[in-house]
Amino acid sequence: MFRLLLVFQLHGPGDHPGGDSWFGADKVKHFFIGAFVQSVAYSAVRATGARHQASLVAATGVTAAVSIGKELFDAHTGGTPSFRDLTWDAAGAAGATLLLQHSVR
């Protein structure tokens, strides 16, 4: 799991030097990483033979774990953990879920 967090580490400590606004390049990254993790996790679970709905639930758990883990990593390495980052991660995961719901039958 820690290696997965490192793969998705897009920015290091102090990424919010001007404050933690709701909009900005950092939030776009969080949105797309949330969507990416959700879709890759869904595909990985689905490849094991799991049903569609179970795969979505598992993918959501993986995405939440990666997102929360990233913020905990920030908190323990001198970075700035952010509820707003988590919100954008969740929005990306929700967007990917909507696409998966309508594209996979």
PDB file of N, CA and C in Angstrom:
ATOM      1  N   MET A   1       0.825  -1.190   0.000  1.00  0.00           N
ATOM      2  CA  MET A   1       0.000   0.000   0.000  1.00  0.00           C
ATOM      3  C   MET A   1       0.870   1.255   0.000  1.00  0.00           C
ATOM      4  N   PHE A   2       1.953   1.236   0.791  1.00  0.00           N
ATOM      5  CA  PHE A   2       2.825   2.403   0.846  1.00  0.00           C
ATOM      6  C   PHE A   2       3.431   2.696  -0.528  1.00  0.00           C
ATOM      7  N   ARG A   3       3.792   1.654  -1.253  1.00  0.00           N
ATOM      8  CA  ARG A   3       4.345   1.862  -2.599  1.00  0.00           C
ATOM      9  C   ARG A   3       3.314   2.507  -3.516  1.00  0.00           C
ATOM     10  N   LEU A   4       2.053   2.085  -3.382  1.00  0.00           N
ATOM     11  CA  LEU A   4       0.995   2.683  -4.180  1.00  0.00           C
ATOM     12  C   LEU A   4       0.873   4.169  -3.875  1.00  0.00           C
ATOM     13  N   LEU A   5       0.987   4.539  -2.611  1.00  0.00           N
ATOM     14  CA  LEU A   5       0.940   5.952  -2.246  1.00  0.00           C
ATOM     15  C   LEU A   5       2.077   6.730  -2.894  1.00  0.00           C
ATOM     16  N   LEU A   6       3.256   6.132  -2.918  1.00  0.00           N
ATOM     17  CA  LEU A   6       4.394   6.817  -3.531  1.00  0.00           C
ATOM     18  C   LEU A   6       4.205   7.008  -5.028  1.00  0.00           C
ATOM     19  N   VAL A   7       3.592   6.031  -5.669  1.00  0.00           N
ATOM     20  CA  VAL A   7       3.339   6.148  -7.110  1.00  0.00           C
ATOM     21  C   VAL A   7       2.439   7.345  -7.399  1.00  0.00           C
ATOM     22  N   PHE A   8       1.439   7.559  -6.532  1.00  0.00           N
ATOM     23  CA  PHE A   8       0.481   8.638  -6.765  1.00  0.00           C
ATOM     24  C   PHE A   8       0.865   9.951  -6.093  1.00  0.00           C
ATOM     25  N   GLN A   9       2.042  10.010  -5.534  1.00  0.00           N
ATOM     26  CA  GLN A   9       2.515  11.228  -4.872  1.00  0.00           C
ATOM     27  C   GLN A   9       2.842  12.265  -5.952  1.00  0.00           C
ATOM     28  N   LEU A  10       1.993  13.247  -6.105  1.00  0.00           N
ATOM     29  CA  LEU A  10       2.202  14.265  -7.130  1.00  0.00           C
ATOM     30  C   LEU A  10       2.893  15.516  -6.617  1.00  0.00           C
ATOM     31  N   HIS A  11       2.867  15.694  -5.315  1.00  0.00           N
ATOM     32  CA  HIS A  11       3.480  16.885  -4.754  1.00  0.00           C
ATOM     33  C   HIS A  11       3.989  16.573  -3.361  1.00  0.00           C
ATOM     34  N   GLY A  12       4.956  17.334  -2.952  1.00  0.00           N
ATOM     35  CA  GLY A  12       5.576  17.079  -1.654  1.00  0.00           C
ATOM     36  C   GLY A  12       5.086  18.037  -0.591  1.00  0.00           C
ATOM     37  N   PRO A  13       5.785  18.039   0.527  1.00  0.00           N
ATOM     38  CA  PRO A  13       5.412  18.912   1.630  1.00  0.00           C
ATOM     39  C   PRO A  13       5.363  20.375   1.213  1.00  0.00           C
ATOM     40  N   GLY A  14       4.481  21.100   1.846  1.00  0.00           N
ATOM     41  CA  GLY A  14       4.395  22.531   1.582  1.00  0.00           C
ATOM     42  C   GLY A  14       3.725  22.872   0.276  1.00  0.00           C
ATOM     43  N   ASP A  15       2.842  22.035  -0.200  1.00  0.00           N
ATOM     44  CA  ASP A  15       2.216  22.284  -1.492  1.00  0.00           C
ATOM     45  C   ASP A  15       1.146  23.367  -1.432  1.00  0.00           C
ATOM     46  N   HIS A  16       0.787  23.802  -0.257  1.00  0.00           N
ATOM     47  CA  HIS A  16      -0.235  24.833  -0.110  1.00  0.00           C
ATOM     48  C   HIS A  16       0.366  26.110   0.474  1.00  0.00           C
ATOM     49  N   PRO A  17       1.452  26.635  -0.135  1.00  0.00           N
ATOM     50  CA  PRO A  17       2.121  27.794   0.469  1.00  0.00           C
ATOM     51  C   PRO A  17       1.253  29.043   0.498  1.00  0.00           C
ATOM     52  N   GLY A  18       0.359  29.201  -0.466  1.00  0.00           N
ATOM     53  CA  GLY A  18      -0.488  30.389  -0.510  1.00  0.00           C
ATOM     54  C   GLY A  18      -1.833  30.160   0.134  1.00  0.00           C
ATOM     55  N   GLY A  19      -1.993  29.062   0.826  1.00  0.00           N
ATOM     56  CA  GLY A  19      -3.279  28.719   1.415  1.00  0.00           C
ATOM     57  C   GLY A  19      -3.894  27.560   0.658  1.00  0.00           C
ATOM     58  N   ASP A  20      -4.923  27.008   1.229  1.00  0.00           N
ATOM     59  CA  ASP A  20      -5.568  25.832   0.652  1.00  0.00           C
ATOM     60  C   ASP A  20      -6.901  26.231   0.040  1.00  0.00           C
ATOM     61  N   SER A  21      -6.858  26.784  -1.158  1.00  0.00           N
ATOM     62  CA  SER A  21      -8.095  27.210  -1.819  1.00  0.00           C
ATOM     63  C   SER A  21      -8.841  25.996  -2.372  1.00  0.00           C
ATOM     64  N   TRP A  22     -10.108  26.183  -2.656  1.00  0.00           N
ATOM     65  CA  TRP A  22     -10.927  25.096  -3.209  1.00  0.00           C
ATOM     66  C   TRP A  22     -10.587  24.810  -4.673  1.00  0.00           C
ATOM     67  N   PHE A  23     -10.013  25.794  -5.369  1.00  0.00           N
ATOM     68  CA  PHE A  23      -9.738  25.639  -6.799  1.00  0.00           C
ATOM     69  C   PHE A  23      -8.263  25.929  -7.065  1.00  0.00           C
ATOM     70  N   GLY A  24      -7.695  25.214  -8.003  1.00  0.00           N
ATOM     71  CA  GLY A  24      -6.303  25.412  -8.352  1.00  0.00           C
ATOM     72  C   GLY A  24      -5.727  24.149  -8.970  1.00  0.00           C
ATOM     73  N   ALA A  25      -4.500  24.237  -9.416  1.00  0.00           N
ATOM     74  CA  ALA A  25      -3.845  23.109 -10.081  1.00  0.00           C
ATOM     75  C   ALA A  25      -3.773  21.886  -9.175  1.00  0.00           C
ATOM     76  N   ASP A  26      -3.535  22.094  -7.892  1.00  0.00           N
ATOM     77  CA  ASP A  26      -3.465  20.988  -6.943  1.00  0.00           C
ATOM     78  C   ASP A  26      -4.780  20.224  -6.890  1.00  0.00           C
ATOM     79  N   LYS A  27      -5.898  20.935  -6.942  1.00  0.00           N
ATOM     80  CA  LYS A  27      -7.206  20.283  -6.846  1.00  0.00           C
ATOM     81  C   LYS A  27      -7.536  19.519  -8.123  1.00  0.00           C
ATOM     82  N   VAL A  28      -7.090  20.009  -9.246  1.00  0.00           N
ATOM     83  CA  VAL A  28      -7.280  19.291 -10.510  1.00  0.00           C
ATOM     84  C   VAL A  28      -6.523  17.961 -10.457  1.00  0.00           C
ATOM     85  N   LYS A  29      -5.312  17.998  -9.922  1.00  0.00           N
ATOM     86  CA  LYS A  29      -4.533  16.767  -9.770  1.00  0.00           C
ATOM     87  C   LYS A  29      -5.254  15.781  -8.871  1.00  0.00           C
ATOM     88  N   HIS A  30      -5.789  16.260  -7.758  1.00  0.00           N
ATOM     89  CA  HIS A  30      -6.508  15.373  -6.845  1.00  0.00           C
ATOM     90  C   HIS A  30      -7.736  14.765  -7.521  1.00  0.00           C
ATOM     91  N   PHE A  31      -8.470  15.563  -8.287  1.00  0.00           N
ATOM     92  CA  PHE A  31      -9.643  15.056  -8.987  1.00  0.00           C
ATOM     93  C   PHE A  31      -9.260  13.915  -9.937  1.00  0.00           C
ATOM     94  N   PHE A  32      -8.263  14.156 -10.760  1.00  0.00           N
ATOM     95  CA  PHE A  32      -7.887  13.144 -11.752  1.00  0.00           C
ATOM     96  C   PHE A  32      -7.212  11.924 -11.130  1.00  0.00           C
ATOM     97  N   ILE A  33      -6.456  12.095 -10.075  1.00  0.00           N
ATOM     98  CA  ILE A  33      -5.871  10.937  -9.394  1.00  0.00           C
ATOM     99  C   ILE A  33      -6.974  10.112  -8.741  1.00  0.00           C
ATOM    100  N   GLY A  34      -7.966  10.776  -8.135  1.00  0.00           N
ATOM    101  CA  GLY A  34      -9.098  10.048  -7.559  1.00  0.00           C
ATOM    102  C   GLY A  34      -9.819   9.227  -8.617  1.00  0.00           C
ATOM    103  N   ALA A  35     -10.046   9.824  -9.785  1.00  0.00           N
ATOM    104  CA  ALA A  35     -10.707   9.113 -10.883  1.00  0.00           C
ATOM    105  C   ALA A  35      -9.836   7.963 -11.390  1.00  0.00           C
ATOM    106  N   PHE A  36      -8.546   8.208 -11.495  1.00  0.00           N
ATOM    107  CA  PHE A  36      -7.623   7.187 -11.987  1.00  0.00           C
ATOM    108  C   PHE A  36      -7.574   5.983 -11.039  1.00  0.00           C
ATOM    109  N   VAL A  37      -7.395   6.252  -9.749  1.00  0.00           N
ATOM    110  CA  VAL A  37      -7.322   5.165  -8.768  1.00  0.00           C
ATOM    111  C   VAL A  37      -8.629   4.379  -8.767  1.00  0.00           C
ATOM    112  N   GLN A  38      -9.754   5.080  -8.813  1.00  0.00           N
ATOM    113  CA  GLN A  38     -11.057   4.411  -8.817  1.00  0.00           C
ATOM    114  C   GLN A  38     -11.197   3.484 -10.030  1.00  0.00           C
ATOM    115  N   SER A  39     -10.831   3.958 -11.199  1.00  0.00           N
ATOM    116  CA  SER A  39     -11.008   3.142 -12.405  1.00  0.00           C
ATOM    117  C   SER A  39     -10.015   1.980 -12.470  1.00  0.00           C
ATOM    118  N   VAL A  40      -8.779   2.207 -12.049  1.00  0.00           N
ATOM    119  CA  VAL A  40      -7.794   1.114 -12.055  1.00  0.00           C
ATOM    120  C   VAL A  40      -8.154   0.061 -11.011  1.00  0.00           C
ATOM    121  N   ALA A  41      -8.559   0.513  -9.828  1.00  0.00           N
ATOM    122  CA  ALA A  41      -8.954  -0.438  -8.788  1.00  0.00           C
ATOM    123  C   ALA A  41     -10.185  -1.230  -9.231  1.00  0.00           C
ATOM    124  N   TYR A  42     -11.150  -0.560  -9.839  1.00  0.00           N
ATOM    125  CA  TYR A  42     -12.339  -1.247 -10.350  1.00  0.00           C
ATOM    126  C   TYR A  42     -11.935  -2.327 -11.353  1.00  0.00           C
ATOM    127  N   SER A  43     -11.083  -1.954 -12.289  1.00  0.00           N
ATOM    128  CA  SER A  43     -10.648  -2.908 -13.324  1.00  0.00           C
ATOM    129  C   SER A  43      -9.897  -4.084 -12.723  1.00  0.00           C
ATOM    130  N   ALA A  44      -9.063  -3.820 -11.739  1.00  0.00           N
ATOM    131  CA  ALA A  44      -8.295  -4.888 -11.097  1.00  0.00           C
ATOM    132  C   ALA A  44      -9.217  -5.859 -10.361  1.00  0.00           C
ATOM    133  N   VAL A  45     -10.183  -5.331  -9.632  1.00  0.00           N
ATOM    134  CA  VAL A  45     -11.109  -6.201  -8.904  1.00  0.00           C
ATOM    135  C   VAL A  45     -12.005  -6.950  -9.872  1.00  0.00           C
ATOM    136  N   ARG A  46     -12.466  -6.273 -10.893  1.00  0.00           N
ATOM    137  CA  ARG A  46     -13.332  -6.905 -11.906  1.00  0.00           C
ATOM    138  C   ARG A  46     -12.597  -8.042 -12.608  1.00  0.00           C
ATOM    139  N   ALA A  47     -11.293  -7.882 -12.827  1.00  0.00           N
ATOM    140  CA  ALA A  47     -10.485  -8.915 -13.498  1.00  0.00           C
ATOM    141  C   ALA A  47     -10.396 -10.197 -12.677  1.00  0.00           C
ATOM    142  N   THR A  48     -10.669 -10.105 -11.386  1.00  0.00           N
ATOM    143  CA  THR A  48     -10.657 -11.303 -10.544  1.00  0.00           C
ATOM    144  C   THR A  48     -11.956 -12.089 -10.661  1.00  0.00           C
ATOM    145  N   GLY A  49     -12.916 -11.548 -11.392  1.00  0.00           N
ATOM    146  CA  GLY A  49     -14.200 -12.222 -11.568  1.00  0.00           C
ATOM    147  C   GLY A  49     -15.304 -11.671 -10.691  1.00  0.00           C
ATOM    148  N   ALA A  50     -15.025 -10.617  -9.941  1.00  0.00           N
ATOM    149  CA  ALA A  50     -16.049 -10.017  -9.077  1.00  0.00           C
ATOM    150  C   ALA A  50     -17.128  -9.357  -9.925  1.00  0.00           C
ATOM    151  N   ARG A  51     -18.309  -9.294  -9.372  1.00  0.00           N
ATOM    152  CA  ARG A  51     -19.425  -8.634 -10.068  1.00  0.00           C
ATOM    153  C   ARG A  51     -19.214  -7.121 -10.095  1.00  0.00           C
ATOM    154  N   HIS A  52     -19.974  -6.485 -10.970  1.00  0.00           N
ATOM    155  CA  HIS A  52     -19.854  -5.045 -11.196  1.00  0.00           C
ATOM    156  C   HIS A  52     -20.007  -4.239  -9.907  1.00  0.00           C
ATOM    157  N   GLN A  53     -21.104  -4.448  -9.177  1.00  0.00           N
ATOM    158  CA  GLN A  53     -21.368  -3.652  -7.976  1.00  0.00           C
ATOM    159  C   GLN A  53     -20.311  -3.893  -6.891  1.00  0.00           C
ATOM    160  N   ALA A  54     -19.915  -5.135  -6.712  1.00  0.00           N
ATOM    161  CA  ALA A  54     -18.880  -5.450  -5.717  1.00  0.00           C
ATOM    162  C   ALA A  54     -17.554  -4.795  -6.099  1.00  0.00           C
ATOM    163  N   SER A  55     -17.265  -4.742  -7.373  1.00  0.00           N
ATOM    164  CA  SER A  55     -16.033  -4.108  -7.842  1.00  0.00           C
ATOM    165  C   SER A  55     -16.049  -2.608  -7.578  1.00  0.00           C
ATOM    166  N   LEU A  56     -17.215  -1.976  -7.756  1.00  0.00           N
ATOM    167  CA  LEU A  56     -17.330  -0.546  -7.457  1.00  0.00           C
ATOM    168  C   LEU A  56     -17.120  -0.269  -5.975  1.00  0.00           C
ATOM    169  N   VAL A  57     -17.695  -1.106  -5.137  1.00  0.00           N
ATOM    170  CA  VAL A  57     -17.543  -0.929  -3.689  1.00  0.00           C
ATOM    171  C   VAL A  57     -16.077  -1.100  -3.283  1.00  0.00           C
ATOM    172  N   ALA A  58     -15.436  -2.128  -3.793  1.00  0.00           N
ATOM    173  CA  ALA A  58     -14.022  -2.371  -3.479  1.00  0.00           C
ATOM    174  C   ALA A  58     -13.150  -1.227  -3.984  1.00  0.00           C
ATOM    175  N   ALA A  59     -13.423  -0.757  -5.185  1.00  0.00           N
ATOM    176  CA  ALA A  59     -12.641   0.343  -5.754  1.00  0.00           C
ATOM    177  C   ALA A  59     -12.793   1.609  -4.926  1.00  0.00           C
ATOM    178  N   THR A  60     -13.982   1.853  -4.423  1.00  0.00           N
ATOM    179  CA  THR A  60     -14.213   3.023  -3.585  1.00  0.00           C
ATOM    180  C   THR A  60     -13.404   2.919  -2.293  1.00  0.00           C
ATOM    181  N   GLY A  61     -13.334   1.735  -1.728  1.00  0.00           N
ATOM    182  CA  GLY A  61     -12.517   1.521  -0.537  1.00  0.00           C
ATOM    183  C   GLY A  61     -11.041   1.759  -0.802  1.00  0.00           C
ATOM    184  N   VAL A  62     -10.562   1.271  -1.939  1.00  0.00           N
ATOM    185  CA  VAL A  62      -9.154   1.472  -2.300  1.00  0.00           C
ATOM    186  C   VAL A  62      -8.868   2.962  -2.506  1.00  0.00           C
ATOM    187  N   THR A  63      -9.761   3.638  -3.221  1.00  0.00           N
ATOM    188  CA  THR A  63      -9.570   5.065  -3.475  1.00  0.00           C
ATOM    189  C   THR A  63      -9.571   5.862  -2.173  1.00  0.00           C
ATOM    190  N   ALA A  64     -10.488   5.539  -1.271  1.00  0.00           N
ATOM    191  CA  ALA A  64     -10.531   6.223   0.026  1.00  0.00           C
ATOM    192  C   ALA A  64      -9.243   5.972   0.808  1.00  0.00           C
ATOM    193  N   ALA A  65      -8.765   4.734   0.794  1.00  0.00           N
ATOM    194  CA  ALA A  65      -7.536   4.398   1.518  1.00  0.00           C
ATOM    195  C   ALA A  65      -6.329   5.153   0.953  1.00  0.00           C
ATOM    196  N   VAL A  66      -6.227   5.223  -0.359  1.00  0.00           N
ATOM    197  CA  VAL A  66      -5.111   5.936  -0.987  1.00  0.00           C
ATOM    198  C   VAL A  66      -5.199   7.427  -0.674  1.00  0.00           C
ATOM    199  N   SER A  67      -6.399   7.987  -0.767  1.00  0.00           N
ATOM    200  CA  SER A  67      -6.578   9.422  -0.521  1.00  0.00           C
ATOM    201  C   SER A  67      -6.277   9.792   0.930  1.00  0.00           C
ATOM    202  N   ILE A  68      -6.835   9.039   1.859  1.00  0.00           N
ATOM    203  CA  ILE A  68      -6.595   9.310   3.269  1.00  0.00           C
ATOM    204  C   ILE A  68      -5.134   9.048   3.608  1.00  0.00           C
ATOM    205  N   GLY A  69      -4.578   7.988   3.042  1.00  0.00           N
ATOM    206  CA  GLY A  69      -3.162   7.687   3.259  1.00  0.00           C
ATOM    207  C   GLY A  69      -2.259   8.808   2.791  1.00  0.00           C
ATOM    208  N   LYS A  70      -2.598   9.411   1.676  1.00  0.00           N
ATOM    209  CA  LYS A  70      -1.805  10.534   1.148  1.00  0.00           C
ATOM    210  C   LYS A  70      -1.834  11.713   2.113  1.00  0.00           C
ATOM    211  N   GLU A  71      -3.003  12.010   2.656  1.00  0.00           N
ATOM    212  CA  GLU A  71      -3.106  13.128   3.589  1.00  0.00           C
ATOM    213  C   GLU A  71      -2.404  12.818   4.905  1.00  0.00           C
ATOM    214  N   LEU A  72      -2.461  11.579   5.363  1.00  0.00           N
ATOM    215  CA  LEU A  72      -1.721  11.184   6.565  1.00  0.00           C
ATOM    216  C   LEU A  72      -0.218  11.269   6.317  1.00  0.00           C
ATOM    217  N   PHE A  73       0.204  10.873   5.125  1.00  0.00           N
ATOM    218  CA  PHE A  73       1.609  10.983   4.738  1.00  0.00           C
ATOM    219  C   PHE A  73       2.049  12.446   4.793  1.00  0.00           C
ATOM    220  N   ASP A  74       1.214  13.330   4.251  1.00  0.00           N
ATOM    221  CA  ASP A  74       1.517  14.759   4.310  1.00  0.00           C
ATOM    222  C   ASP A  74       1.675  15.222   5.753  1.00  0.00           C
ATOM    223  N   ALA A  75       0.753  14.796   6.603  1.00  0.00           N
ATOM    224  CA  ALA A  75       0.776  15.221   8.000  1.00  0.00           C
ATOM    225  C   ALA A  75       2.031  14.761   8.726  1.00  0.00           C
ATOM    226  N   HIS A  76       2.539  13.605   8.358  1.00  0.00           N
ATOM    227  CA  HIS A  76       3.700  13.049   9.058  1.00  0.00           C
ATOM    228  C   HIS A  76       5.043  13.442   8.430  1.00  0.00           C
ATOM    229  N   THR A  77       5.016  14.095   7.290  1.00  0.00           N
ATOM    230  CA  THR A  77       6.270  14.483   6.640  1.00  0.00           C
ATOM    231  C   THR A  77       6.422  15.994   6.517  1.00  0.00           C
ATOM    232  N   GLY A  78       5.647  16.719   7.290  1.00  0.00           N
ATOM    233  CA  GLY A  78       5.776  18.168   7.269  1.00  0.00           C
ATOM    234  C   GLY A  78       4.940  18.856   6.215  1.00  0.00           C
ATOM    235  N   GLY A  79       4.124  18.100   5.506  1.00  0.00           N
ATOM    236  CA  GLY A  79       3.243  18.694   4.498  1.00  0.00           C
ATOM    237  C   GLY A  79       1.990  19.242   5.140  1.00  0.00           C
ATOM    238  N   THR A  80       1.074  19.627   4.296  1.00  0.00           N
ATOM    239  CA  THR A  80      -0.174  20.203   4.771  1.00  0.00           C
ATOM    240  C   THR A  80      -1.338  19.288   4.396  1.00  0.00           C
ATOM    241  N   PRO A  81      -1.844  18.507   5.346  1.00  0.00           N
ATOM    242  CA  PRO A  81      -3.012  17.684   5.038  1.00  0.00           C
ATOM    243  C   PRO A  81      -4.221  18.578   4.780  1.00  0.00           C
ATOM    244  N   SER A  82      -5.121  18.118   3.914  1.00  0.00           N
ATOM    245  CA  SER A  82      -6.212  18.993   3.507  1.00  0.00           C
ATOM    246  C   SER A  82      -7.517  18.238   3.304  1.00  0.00           C
ATOM    247  N   PHE A  83      -8.552  18.681   3.992  1.00  0.00           N
ATOM    248  CA  PHE A  83      -9.896  18.149   3.769  1.00  0.00           C
ATOM    249  C   PHE A  83     -10.351  18.477   2.354  1.00  0.00           C
ATOM    250  N   ARG A  84      -9.927  19.614   1.836  1.00  0.00           N
ATOM    251  CA  ARG A  84     -10.306  20.007   0.470  1.00  0.00           C
ATOM    252  C   ARG A  84      -9.684  19.059  -0.558  1.00  0.00           C
ATOM    253  N   ASP A  85      -8.468  18.620  -0.310  1.00  0.00           N
ATOM    254  CA  ASP A  85      -7.859  17.618  -1.196  1.00  0.00           C
ATOM    255  C   ASP A  85      -8.687  16.335  -1.197  1.00  0.00           C
ATOM    256  N   LEU A  86      -9.098  15.904  -0.015  1.00  0.00           N
ATOM    257  CA  LEU A  86      -9.920  14.693   0.088  1.00  0.00           C
ATOM    258  C   LEU A  86     -11.249  14.864  -0.647  1.00  0.00           C
ATOM    259  N   THR A  87     -11.814  16.051  -0.576  1.00  0.00           N
ATOM    260  CA  THR A  87     -13.074  16.327  -1.266  1.00  0.00           C
ATOM    261  C   THR A  87     -12.902  16.184  -2.775  1.00  0.00           C
ATOM    262  N   TRP A  88     -11.801  16.705  -3.296  1.00  0.00           N
ATOM    263  CA  TRP A  88     -11.552  16.599  -4.733  1.00  0.00           C
ATOM    264  C   TRP A  88     -11.214  15.161  -5.142  1.00  0.00           C
ATOM    265  N   ASP A  89     -10.515  14.423  -4.275  1.00  0.00           N
ATOM    266  CA  ASP A  89     -10.287  12.999  -4.533  1.00  0.00           C
ATOM    267  C   ASP A  89     -11.622  12.275  -4.653  1.00  0.00           C
ATOM    268  N   ALA A  90     -12.528  12.551  -3.716  1.00  0.00           N
ATOM    269  CA  ALA A  90     -13.851  11.913  -3.716  1.00  0.00           C
ATOM    270  C   ALA A  90     -14.655  12.311  -4.953  1.00  0.00           C
ATOM    271  N   ALA A  91     -14.543  13.557  -5.367  1.00  0.00           N
ATOM    272  CA  ALA A  91     -15.250  13.998  -6.578  1.00  0.00           C
ATOM    273  C   ALA A  91     -14.734  13.252  -7.810  1.00  0.00           C
ATOM    274  N   GLY A  92     -13.436  13.052  -7.883  1.00  0.00           N
ATOM    275  CA  GLY A  92     -12.868  12.290  -8.999  1.00  0.00           C
ATOM    276  C   GLY A  92     -13.331  10.851  -8.987  1.00  0.00           C
ATOM    277  N   ALA A  93     -13.352  10.245  -7.803  1.00  0.00           N
ATOM    278  CA  ALA A  93     -13.829   8.866  -7.673  1.00  0.00           C
ATOM    279  C   ALA A  93     -15.300   8.776  -8.068  1.00  0.00           C
ATOM    280  N   ALA A  94     -16.099   9.751  -7.651  1.00  0.00           N
ATOM    281  CA  ALA A  94     -17.520   9.762  -8.010  1.00  0.00           C
ATOM    282  C   ALA A  94     -17.705   9.918  -9.513  1.00  0.00           C
ATOM    283  N   GLY A  95     -16.908  10.774 -10.125  1.00  0.00           N
ATOM    284  CA  GLY A  95     -16.981  10.939 -11.579  1.00  0.00           C
ATOM    285  C   GLY A  95     -16.644   9.654 -12.318  1.00  0.00           C
ATOM    286  N   ALA A  96     -15.599   8.982 -11.873  1.00  0.00           N
ATOM    287  CA  ALA A  96     -15.229   7.706 -12.501  1.00  0.00           C
ATOM    288  C   ALA A  96     -16.322   6.667 -12.289  1.00  0.00           C
ATOM    289  N   THR A  97     -16.914   6.655 -11.105  1.00  0.00           N
ATOM    290  CA  THR A  97     -17.994   5.710 -10.807  1.00  0.00           C
ATOM    291  C   THR A  97     -19.182   5.952 -11.719  1.00  0.00           C
ATOM    292  N   LEU A  98     -19.536   7.198 -11.937  1.00  0.00           N
ATOM    293  CA  LEU A  98     -20.643   7.501 -12.860  1.00  0.00           C
ATOM    294  C   LEU A  98     -20.356   6.983 -14.257  1.00  0.00           C
ATOM    295  N   LEU A  99     -19.135   7.192 -14.719  1.00  0.00           N
ATOM    296  CA  LEU A  99     -18.765   6.682 -16.044  1.00  0.00           C
ATOM    297  C   LEU A  99     -18.816   5.168 -16.080  1.00  0.00           C
ATOM    298  N   LEU A 100     -18.310   4.530 -15.036  1.00  0.00           N
ATOM    299  CA  LEU A 100     -18.319   3.066 -14.983  1.00  0.00           C
ATOM    300  C   LEU A 100     -19.741   2.518 -14.903  1.00  0.00           C
ATOM    301  N   GLN A 101     -20.608   3.206 -14.172  1.00  0.00           N
ATOM    302  CA  GLN A 101     -22.009   2.762 -14.048  1.00  0.00           C
ATOM    303  C   GLN A 101     -22.701   2.765 -15.401  1.00  0.00           C
ATOM    304  N   HIS A 102     -22.383   3.750 -16.234  1.00  0.00           N
ATOM    305  CA  HIS A 102     -23.085   3.894 -17.514  1.00  0.00           C
ATOM    306  C   HIS A 102     -22.383   3.219 -18.687  1.00  0.00           C
ATOM    307  N   SER A 103     -21.164   2.776 -18.475  1.00  0.00           N
ATOM    308  CA  SER A 103     -20.430   2.156 -19.593  1.00  0.00           C
ATOM    309  C   SER A 103     -20.283   0.655 -19.452  1.00  0.00           C
ATOM    310  N   VAL A 104     -20.486   0.140 -18.248  1.00  0.00           N
ATOM    311  CA  VAL A 104     -20.310  -1.293 -18.000  1.00  0.00           C
ATOM    312  C   VAL A 104     -21.666  -1.886 -17.635  1.00  0.00           C
ATOM    313  N   ARG A 105     -22.051  -2.894 -18.344  1.00  0.00           N
ATOM    314  CA  ARG A 105     -23.339  -3.553 -18.070  1.00  0.00           C
ATOM    315  C   ARG A 105     -23.090  -5.023 -17.851  1.00  0.00           C
TER     316      ARG A 105
END
